[in-house]
Amino acid sequence: MRKVNRRHGGAKVKVRSTTRDTLALLGILALGNRQIAEGRTVPAAEALRRIRAKLARRPA
């Protein structure tokens, strides 16, 4: 990931190590794969129905 820092009128680019971000994403991917293998998934339509039902129950 690159960040642009501007100091004293000039732009300086910092390149941040993405190792931590990469490992975090790989962990999320592994978790998803494990949930699929265990059958702990629901179709997208069902997931959206559940979300919409929860939102409808929220106080205004």
C-alpha atoms as a PDB file:
ATOM      1  CA  MET A   1       0.000   0.000   0.000  1.00  0.00           C
ATOM      2  CA  ARG A   2       1.311   3.439  -0.785  1.00  0.00           C
ATOM      3  CA  LYS A   3       0.622   6.539   1.182  1.00  0.00           C
ATOM      4  CA  VAL A   4       1.382  10.027   0.013  1.00  0.00           C
ATOM      5  CA  ASN A   5       2.561  12.402   2.689  1.00  0.00           C
ATOM      6  CA  ARG A   6       2.855  16.064   1.863  1.00  0.00           C
ATOM      7  CA  ARG A   7       5.261  18.058   3.940  1.00  0.00           C
ATOM      8  CA  HIS A   8       6.540  21.503   3.248  1.00  0.00           C
ATOM      9  CA  GLY A   9       4.790  21.617  -0.120  1.00  0.00           C
ATOM     10  CA  GLY A  10       6.388  18.469  -1.584  1.00  0.00           C
ATOM     11  CA  ALA A  11       4.859  15.010  -1.920  1.00  0.00           C
ATOM     12  CA  LYS A  12       6.685  12.038  -0.445  1.00  0.00           C
ATOM     13  CA  VAL A  13       5.575   8.463  -1.020  1.00  0.00           C
ATOM     14  CA  LYS A  14       5.822   5.872   1.739  1.00  0.00           C
ATOM     15  CA  VAL A  15       5.589   2.199   0.835  1.00  0.00           C
ATOM     16  CA  ARG A  16       4.133   0.252   3.756  1.00  0.00           C
ATOM     17  CA  SER A  17       4.856  -3.389   4.308  1.00  0.00           C
ATOM     18  CA  THR A  18       1.815  -5.431   3.379  1.00  0.00           C
ATOM     19  CA  THR A  19       2.909  -8.675   5.003  1.00  0.00           C
ATOM     20  CA  ARG A  20       0.495  -8.235   7.910  1.00  0.00           C
ATOM     21  CA  ASP A  21      -2.370  -7.393   5.556  1.00  0.00           C
ATOM     22  CA  THR A  22      -1.580 -10.393   3.358  1.00  0.00           C
ATOM     23  CA  LEU A  23      -1.516 -12.750   6.336  1.00  0.00           C
ATOM     24  CA  ALA A  24      -4.826 -11.347   7.594  1.00  0.00           C
ATOM     25  CA  LEU A  25      -6.477 -11.925   4.212  1.00  0.00           C
ATOM     26  CA  LEU A  26      -5.079 -15.450   4.008  1.00  0.00           C
ATOM     27  CA  GLY A  27      -6.529 -16.136   7.464  1.00  0.00           C
ATOM     28  CA  ILE A  28      -9.952 -14.923   6.357  1.00  0.00           C
ATOM     29  CA  LEU A  29      -9.727 -17.091   3.238  1.00  0.00           C
ATOM     30  CA  ALA A  30      -8.769 -20.152   5.311  1.00  0.00           C
ATOM     31  CA  LEU A  31     -11.684 -19.509   7.684  1.00  0.00           C
ATOM     32  CA  GLY A  32     -14.094 -19.282   4.743  1.00  0.00           C
ATOM     33  CA  ASN A  33     -12.768 -22.488   3.228  1.00  0.00           C
ATOM     34  CA  ARG A  34     -13.122 -24.289   6.565  1.00  0.00           C
ATOM     35  CA  GLN A  35     -16.721 -23.065   6.957  1.00  0.00           C
ATOM     36  CA  ILE A  36     -17.546 -24.295   3.444  1.00  0.00           C
ATOM     37  CA  ALA A  37     -15.981 -27.696   4.167  1.00  0.00           C
ATOM     38  CA  GLU A  38     -18.012 -27.965   7.397  1.00  0.00           C
ATOM     39  CA  GLY A  39     -21.224 -27.019   5.603  1.00  0.00           C
ATOM     40  CA  ARG A  40     -21.634 -23.882   7.684  1.00  0.00           C
ATOM     41  CA  THR A  41     -22.901 -21.729   4.829  1.00  0.00           C
ATOM     42  CA  VAL A  42     -26.247 -20.391   3.668  1.00  0.00           C
ATOM     43  CA  PRO A  43     -27.309 -19.224   0.212  1.00  0.00           C
ATOM     44  CA  ALA A  44     -26.855 -15.505  -0.430  1.00  0.00           C
ATOM     45  CA  ALA A  45     -30.627 -14.969  -0.719  1.00  0.00           C
ATOM     46  CA  GLU A  46     -31.138 -16.463   2.763  1.00  0.00           C
ATOM     47  CA  ALA A  47     -28.325 -14.357   4.232  1.00  0.00           C
ATOM     48  CA  LEU A  48     -29.864 -11.182   2.761  1.00  0.00           C
ATOM     49  CA  ARG A  49     -33.310 -12.163   4.066  1.00  0.00           C
ATOM     50  CA  ARG A  50     -31.858 -12.531   7.580  1.00  0.00           C
ATOM     51  CA  ILE A  51     -30.080  -9.180   7.383  1.00  0.00           C
ATOM     52  CA  ARG A  52     -33.196  -7.401   6.142  1.00  0.00           C
ATOM     53  CA  ALA A  53     -35.281  -8.993   8.923  1.00  0.00           C
ATOM     54  CA  LYS A  54     -32.800  -7.773  11.556  1.00  0.00           C
ATOM     55  CA  LEU A  55     -32.807  -4.281  10.081  1.00  0.00           C
ATOM     56  CA  ALA A  56     -36.607  -4.213  10.099  1.00  0.00           C
ATOM     57  CA  ARG A  57     -36.634  -5.053  13.831  1.00  0.00           C
ATOM     58  CA  ARG A  58     -34.249  -2.222  14.729  1.00  0.00           C
ATOM     59  CA  PRO A  59     -35.786   0.750  16.501  1.00  0.00           C
ATOM     60  CA  ALA A  60     -36.005   3.865  14.356  1.00  0.00           C
END
